[in-house]
């Protein structure tokens, strides 16, 4: 999740509420935010699915 937030903030720096440059001036395009957040999350889910499948395959081959 931390990496996803990093990439989201790189794409839409206005989401960083701690940044003094944007504090109190947040005007975020909701459509853009939804797209970026979905894409960042999707990549993370693909990695999780890959490693789950890899783990299941190794377990079935090794018999454990």
PDB file of N, CA and C in Angstrom:
ATOM      1  N   UNK A   1       0.812  -1.199   0.000  1.00  0.00           N
ATOM      2  CA  UNK A   1       0.000   0.000   0.000  1.00  0.00           C
ATOM      3  C   UNK A   1       0.857   1.266   0.000  1.00  0.00           C
ATOM      4  N   UNK A   2       1.982   1.240   0.710  1.00  0.00           N
ATOM      5  CA  UNK A   2       2.821   2.437   0.766  1.00  0.00           C
ATOM      6  C   UNK A   2       3.336   2.823  -0.611  1.00  0.00           C
ATOM      7  N   UNK A   3       3.734   1.833  -1.384  1.00  0.00           N
ATOM      8  CA  UNK A   3       4.220   2.131  -2.735  1.00  0.00           C
ATOM      9  C   UNK A   3       3.125   2.697  -3.609  1.00  0.00           C
ATOM     10  N   UNK A   4       1.923   2.182  -3.442  1.00  0.00           N
ATOM     11  CA  UNK A   4       0.809   2.691  -4.230  1.00  0.00           C
ATOM     12  C   UNK A   4       0.592   4.163  -3.926  1.00  0.00           C
ATOM     13  N   UNK A   5       0.673   4.525  -2.666  1.00  0.00           N
ATOM     14  CA  UNK A   5       0.498   5.926  -2.279  1.00  0.00           C
ATOM     15  C   UNK A   5       1.604   6.774  -2.886  1.00  0.00           C
ATOM     16  N   UNK A   6       2.824   6.279  -2.879  1.00  0.00           N
ATOM     17  CA  UNK A   6       3.946   7.011  -3.472  1.00  0.00           C
ATOM     18  C   UNK A   6       3.668   7.335  -4.937  1.00  0.00           C
ATOM     19  N   UNK A   7       3.234   6.344  -5.701  1.00  0.00           N
ATOM     20  CA  UNK A   7       2.978   6.575  -7.124  1.00  0.00           C
ATOM     21  C   UNK A   7       1.771   7.472  -7.334  1.00  0.00           C
ATOM     22  N   UNK A   8       0.776   7.354  -6.475  1.00  0.00           N
ATOM     23  CA  UNK A   8      -0.393   8.224  -6.582  1.00  0.00           C
ATOM     24  C   UNK A   8      -0.005   9.678  -6.346  1.00  0.00           C
ATOM     25  N   UNK A   9       0.831   9.912  -5.342  1.00  0.00           N
ATOM     26  CA  UNK A   9       1.247  11.278  -5.039  1.00  0.00           C
ATOM     27  C   UNK A   9       2.154  11.850  -6.116  1.00  0.00           C
ATOM     28  N   UNK A  10       2.919  10.991  -6.783  1.00  0.00           N
ATOM     29  CA  UNK A  10       3.742  11.479  -7.896  1.00  0.00           C
ATOM     30  C   UNK A  10       2.867  11.921  -9.063  1.00  0.00           C
ATOM     31  N   UNK A  11       1.772  11.207  -9.287  1.00  0.00           N
ATOM     32  CA  UNK A  11       0.868  11.547 -10.389  1.00  0.00           C
ATOM     33  C   UNK A  11      -0.043  12.728 -10.045  1.00  0.00           C
ATOM     34  N   UNK A  12      -0.511  12.773  -8.802  1.00  0.00           N
ATOM     35  CA  UNK A  12      -1.434  13.834  -8.365  1.00  0.00           C
ATOM     36  C   UNK A  12      -0.908  14.410  -7.046  1.00  0.00           C
ATOM     37  N   UNK A  13       0.044  15.331  -7.102  1.00  0.00           N
ATOM     38  CA  UNK A  13       0.634  15.865  -5.867  1.00  0.00           C
ATOM     39  C   UNK A  13      -0.364  16.605  -4.982  1.00  0.00           C
ATOM     40  N   UNK A  14      -1.490  17.021  -5.531  1.00  0.00           N
ATOM     41  CA  UNK A  14      -2.494  17.727  -4.739  1.00  0.00           C
ATOM     42  C   UNK A  14      -3.123  16.837  -3.674  1.00  0.00           C
ATOM     43  N   UNK A  15      -2.965  15.515  -3.790  1.00  0.00           N
ATOM     44  CA  UNK A  15      -3.503  14.602  -2.791  1.00  0.00           C
ATOM     45  C   UNK A  15      -2.683  14.597  -1.499  1.00  0.00           C
ATOM     46  N   UNK A  16      -1.483  15.146  -1.549  1.00  0.00           N
ATOM     47  CA  UNK A  16      -0.613  15.192  -0.375  1.00  0.00           C
ATOM     48  C   UNK A  16      -1.056  16.334   0.529  1.00  0.00           C
ATOM     49  N   UNK A  17      -1.843  16.018   1.544  1.00  0.00           N
ATOM     50  CA  UNK A  17      -2.392  17.028   2.435  1.00  0.00           C
ATOM     51  C   UNK A  17      -1.349  17.595   3.390  1.00  0.00           C
ATOM     52  N   UNK A  18      -0.190  16.942   3.515  1.00  0.00           N
ATOM     53  CA  UNK A  18       0.877  17.423   4.389  1.00  0.00           C
ATOM     54  C   UNK A  18       1.803  18.419   3.680  1.00  0.00           C
ATOM     55  N   UNK A  19       1.755  18.458   2.367  1.00  0.00           N
ATOM     56  CA  UNK A  19       2.604  19.352   1.595  1.00  0.00           C
ATOM     57  C   UNK A  19       2.107  20.788   1.751  1.00  0.00           C
ATOM     58  N   UNK A  20       2.964  21.655   2.260  1.00  0.00           N
ATOM     59  CA  UNK A  20       2.574  23.047   2.508  1.00  0.00           C
ATOM     60  C   UNK A  20       2.177  23.774   1.222  1.00  0.00           C
ATOM     61  N   UNK A  21       2.718  23.341   0.110  1.00  0.00           N
ATOM     62  CA  UNK A  21       2.416  23.967  -1.176  1.00  0.00           C
ATOM     63  C   UNK A  21       0.942  23.804  -1.553  1.00  0.00           C
ATOM     64  N   UNK A  22       0.331  22.682  -1.142  1.00  0.00           N
ATOM     65  CA  UNK A  22      -1.051  22.384  -1.534  1.00  0.00           C
ATOM     66  C   UNK A  22      -2.033  22.453  -0.363  1.00  0.00           C
ATOM     67  N   UNK A  23      -1.534  22.601   0.854  1.00  0.00           N
ATOM     68  CA  UNK A  23      -2.401  22.557   2.035  1.00  0.00           C
ATOM     69  C   UNK A  23      -3.465  23.657   1.962  1.00  0.00           C
ATOM     70  N   UNK A  24      -4.723  23.267   2.068  1.00  0.00           N
ATOM     71  CA  UNK A  24      -5.829  24.203   2.024  1.00  0.00           C
ATOM     72  C   UNK A  24      -6.231  24.642   0.626  1.00  0.00           C
ATOM     73  N   UNK A  25      -5.535  24.150  -0.403  1.00  0.00           N
ATOM     74  CA  UNK A  25      -5.827  24.561  -1.784  1.00  0.00           C
ATOM     75  C   UNK A  25      -6.162  23.357  -2.663  1.00  0.00           C
ATOM     76  N   UNK A  26      -6.582  22.260  -2.042  1.00  0.00           N
ATOM     77  CA  UNK A  26      -6.807  21.038  -2.795  1.00  0.00           C
ATOM     78  C   UNK A  26      -8.008  21.158  -3.727  1.00  0.00           C
ATOM     79  N   UNK A  27      -7.722  21.165  -4.998  1.00  0.00           N
ATOM     80  CA  UNK A  27      -8.731  21.063  -6.050  1.00  0.00           C
ATOM     81  C   UNK A  27      -8.303  19.878  -6.900  1.00  0.00           C
ATOM     82  N   UNK A  28      -8.935  18.740  -6.667  1.00  0.00           N
ATOM     83  CA  UNK A  28      -8.526  17.510  -7.333  1.00  0.00           C
ATOM     84  C   UNK A  28      -9.590  17.099  -8.338  1.00  0.00           C
ATOM     85  N   UNK A  29      -9.152  16.778  -9.524  1.00  0.00           N
ATOM     86  CA  UNK A  29     -10.038  16.250 -10.552  1.00  0.00           C
ATOM     87  C   UNK A  29     -10.387  14.813 -10.152  1.00  0.00           C
ATOM     88  N   UNK A  30     -11.633  14.590  -9.753  1.00  0.00           N
ATOM     89  CA  UNK A  30     -12.047  13.279  -9.241  1.00  0.00           C
ATOM     90  C   UNK A  30     -11.904  12.176 -10.281  1.00  0.00           C
ATOM     91  N   UNK A  31     -12.163  12.485 -11.523  1.00  0.00           N
ATOM     92  CA  UNK A  31     -12.031  11.471 -12.574  1.00  0.00           C
ATOM     93  C   UNK A  31     -10.573  11.035 -12.713  1.00  0.00           C
ATOM     94  N   UNK A  32      -9.654  11.995 -12.692  1.00  0.00           N
ATOM     95  CA  UNK A  32      -8.233  11.677 -12.793  1.00  0.00           C
ATOM     96  C   UNK A  32      -7.777  10.908 -11.555  1.00  0.00           C
ATOM     97  N   UNK A  33      -8.242  11.337 -10.382  1.00  0.00           N
ATOM     98  CA  UNK A  33      -7.852  10.666  -9.142  1.00  0.00           C
ATOM     99  C   UNK A  33      -8.322   9.214  -9.154  1.00  0.00           C
ATOM    100  N   UNK A  34      -9.555   8.978  -9.556  1.00  0.00           N
ATOM    101  CA  UNK A  34     -10.082   7.616  -9.592  1.00  0.00           C
ATOM    102  C   UNK A  34      -9.291   6.739 -10.548  1.00  0.00           C
ATOM    103  N   UNK A  35      -8.940   7.283 -11.707  1.00  0.00           N
ATOM    104  CA  UNK A  35      -8.194   6.514 -12.698  1.00  0.00           C
ATOM    105  C   UNK A  35      -6.803   6.152 -12.174  1.00  0.00           C
ATOM    106  N   UNK A  36      -6.088   7.137 -11.615  1.00  0.00           N
ATOM    107  CA  UNK A  36      -4.732   6.899 -11.102  1.00  0.00           C
ATOM    108  C   UNK A  36      -4.761   5.903  -9.944  1.00  0.00           C
ATOM    109  N   UNK A  37      -5.686   6.081  -9.018  1.00  0.00           N
ATOM    110  CA  UNK A  37      -5.774   5.190  -7.858  1.00  0.00           C
ATOM    111  C   UNK A  37      -6.106   3.764  -8.293  1.00  0.00           C
ATOM    112  N   UNK A  38      -7.005   3.611  -9.262  1.00  0.00           N
ATOM    113  CA  UNK A  38      -7.355   2.282  -9.761  1.00  0.00           C
ATOM    114  C   UNK A  38      -6.156   1.625 -10.431  1.00  0.00           C
ATOM    115  N   UNK A  39      -5.451   2.369 -11.272  1.00  0.00           N
ATOM    116  CA  UNK A  39      -4.295   1.803 -11.985  1.00  0.00           C
ATOM    117  C   UNK A  39      -3.198   1.388 -11.008  1.00  0.00           C
ATOM    118  N   UNK A  40      -2.930   2.202 -10.000  1.00  0.00           N
ATOM    119  CA  UNK A  40      -1.907   1.850  -9.005  1.00  0.00           C
ATOM    120  C   UNK A  40      -2.332   0.614  -8.220  1.00  0.00           C
ATOM    121  N   UNK A  41      -3.586   0.540  -7.850  1.00  0.00           N
ATOM    122  CA  UNK A  41      -4.087  -0.614  -7.113  1.00  0.00           C
ATOM    123  C   UNK A  41      -4.085  -1.871  -7.948  1.00  0.00           C
ATOM    124  N   UNK A  42      -4.413  -1.736  -9.219  1.00  0.00           N
ATOM    125  CA  UNK A  42      -4.468  -2.879 -10.126  1.00  0.00           C
ATOM    126  C   UNK A  42      -3.107  -3.550 -10.241  1.00  0.00           C
ATOM    127  N   UNK A  43      -2.061  -2.782 -10.355  1.00  0.00           N
ATOM    128  CA  UNK A  43      -0.713  -3.338 -10.461  1.00  0.00           C
ATOM    129  C   UNK A  43      -0.365  -4.132  -9.211  1.00  0.00           C
ATOM    130  N   UNK A  44      -0.691  -3.586  -8.055  1.00  0.00           N
ATOM    131  CA  UNK A  44      -0.431  -4.296  -6.800  1.00  0.00           C
ATOM    132  C   UNK A  44      -1.201  -5.602  -6.711  1.00  0.00           C
ATOM    133  N   UNK A  45      -2.444  -5.595  -7.166  1.00  0.00           N
ATOM    134  CA  UNK A  45      -3.248  -6.819  -7.147  1.00  0.00           C
ATOM    135  C   UNK A  45      -2.685  -7.867  -8.096  1.00  0.00           C
ATOM    136  N   UNK A  46      -2.169  -7.439  -9.249  1.00  0.00           N
ATOM    137  CA  UNK A  46      -1.558  -8.382 -10.184  1.00  0.00           C
ATOM    138  C   UNK A  46      -0.346  -9.061  -9.553  1.00  0.00           C
ATOM    139  N   UNK A  47       0.489  -8.280  -8.850  1.00  0.00           N
ATOM    140  CA  UNK A  47       1.652  -8.870  -8.176  1.00  0.00           C
ATOM    141  C   UNK A  47       1.211  -9.868  -7.111  1.00  0.00           C
ATOM    142  N   UNK A  48       0.202  -9.513  -6.330  1.00  0.00           N
ATOM    143  CA  UNK A  48      -0.295 -10.423  -5.290  1.00  0.00           C
ATOM    144  C   UNK A  48      -0.826 -11.716  -5.908  1.00  0.00           C
ATOM    145  N   UNK A  49      -1.575 -11.594  -6.992  1.00  0.00           N
ATOM    146  CA  UNK A  49      -2.120 -12.768  -7.667  1.00  0.00           C
ATOM    147  C   UNK A  49      -1.004 -13.636  -8.233  1.00  0.00           C
ATOM    148  N   UNK A  50       0.014 -13.025  -8.813  1.00  0.00           N
ATOM    149  CA  UNK A  50       1.145 -13.773  -9.362  1.00  0.00           C
ATOM    150  C   UNK A  50       1.830 -14.584  -8.275  1.00  0.00           C
ATOM    151  N   UNK A  51       2.141 -13.950  -7.137  1.00  0.00           N
ATOM    152  CA  UNK A  51       2.862 -14.651  -6.082  1.00  0.00           C
ATOM    153  C   UNK A  51       1.991 -15.714  -5.411  1.00  0.00           C
ATOM    154  N   UNK A  52       0.690 -15.497  -5.332  1.00  0.00           N
ATOM    155  CA  UNK A  52      -0.218 -16.525  -4.802  1.00  0.00           C
ATOM    156  C   UNK A  52      -0.223 -17.736  -5.730  1.00  0.00           C
ATOM    157  N   UNK A  53      -0.314 -17.488  -7.034  1.00  0.00           N
ATOM    158  CA  UNK A  53      -0.302 -18.578  -8.017  1.00  0.00           C
ATOM    159  C   UNK A  53       1.036 -19.310  -7.989  1.00  0.00           C
ATOM    160  N   UNK A  54       2.122 -18.569  -7.909  1.00  0.00           N
ATOM    161  CA  UNK A  54       3.448 -19.179  -7.836  1.00  0.00           C
ATOM    162  C   UNK A  54       3.568 -20.045  -6.591  1.00  0.00           C
ATOM    163  N   UNK A  55       3.121 -19.554  -5.460  1.00  0.00           N
ATOM    164  CA  UNK A  55       3.180 -20.301  -4.214  1.00  0.00           C
ATOM    165  C   UNK A  55       2.350 -21.584  -4.313  1.00  0.00           C
ATOM    166  N   UNK A  56       1.135 -21.484  -4.850  1.00  0.00           N
ATOM    167  CA  UNK A  56       0.284 -22.670  -5.004  1.00  0.00           C
ATOM    168  C   UNK A  56       0.925 -23.702  -5.930  1.00  0.00           C
ATOM    169  N   UNK A  57       1.549 -23.237  -7.006  1.00  0.00           N
ATOM    170  CA  UNK A  57       2.213 -24.135  -7.954  1.00  0.00           C
ATOM    171  C   UNK A  57       3.383 -24.858  -7.299  1.00  0.00           C
ATOM    172  N   UNK A  58       4.191 -24.131  -6.552  1.00  0.00           N
ATOM    173  CA  UNK A  58       5.339 -24.733  -5.865  1.00  0.00           C
ATOM    174  C   UNK A  58       4.867 -25.758  -4.850  1.00  0.00           C
ATOM    175  N   UNK A  59       3.801 -25.437  -4.124  1.00  0.00           N
ATOM    176  CA  UNK A  59       3.278 -26.382  -3.145  1.00  0.00           C
ATOM    177  C   UNK A  59       2.732 -27.635  -3.799  1.00  0.00           C
ATOM    178  N   UNK A  60       2.074 -27.491  -4.950  1.00  0.00           N
ATOM    179  CA  UNK A  60       1.525 -28.685  -5.621  1.00  0.00           C
ATOM    180  C   UNK A  60       2.632 -29.549  -6.211  1.00  0.00           C
ATOM    181  N   UNK A  61       3.703 -28.947  -6.675  1.00  0.00           N
ATOM    182  CA  UNK A  61       4.818 -29.713  -7.257  1.00  0.00           C
ATOM    183  C   UNK A  61       5.625 -30.402  -6.157  1.00  0.00           C
ATOM    184  N   UNK A  62       5.845 -29.709  -5.048  1.00  0.00           N
ATOM    185  CA  UNK A  62       6.659 -30.276  -3.973  1.00  0.00           C
ATOM    186  C   UNK A  62       5.863 -31.209  -3.066  1.00  0.00           C
ATOM    187  N   UNK A  63       4.543 -31.145  -3.146  1.00  0.00           N
ATOM    188  CA  UNK A  63       3.710 -32.051  -2.362  1.00  0.00           C
ATOM    189  C   UNK A  63       3.550 -31.650  -0.906  1.00  0.00           C
ATOM    190  N   UNK A  64       3.818 -30.398  -0.599  1.00  0.00           N
ATOM    191  CA  UNK A  64       3.673 -29.977   0.812  1.00  0.00           C
ATOM    192  C   UNK A  64       2.391 -29.220   1.024  1.00  0.00           C
TER     193      UNK A  64
END
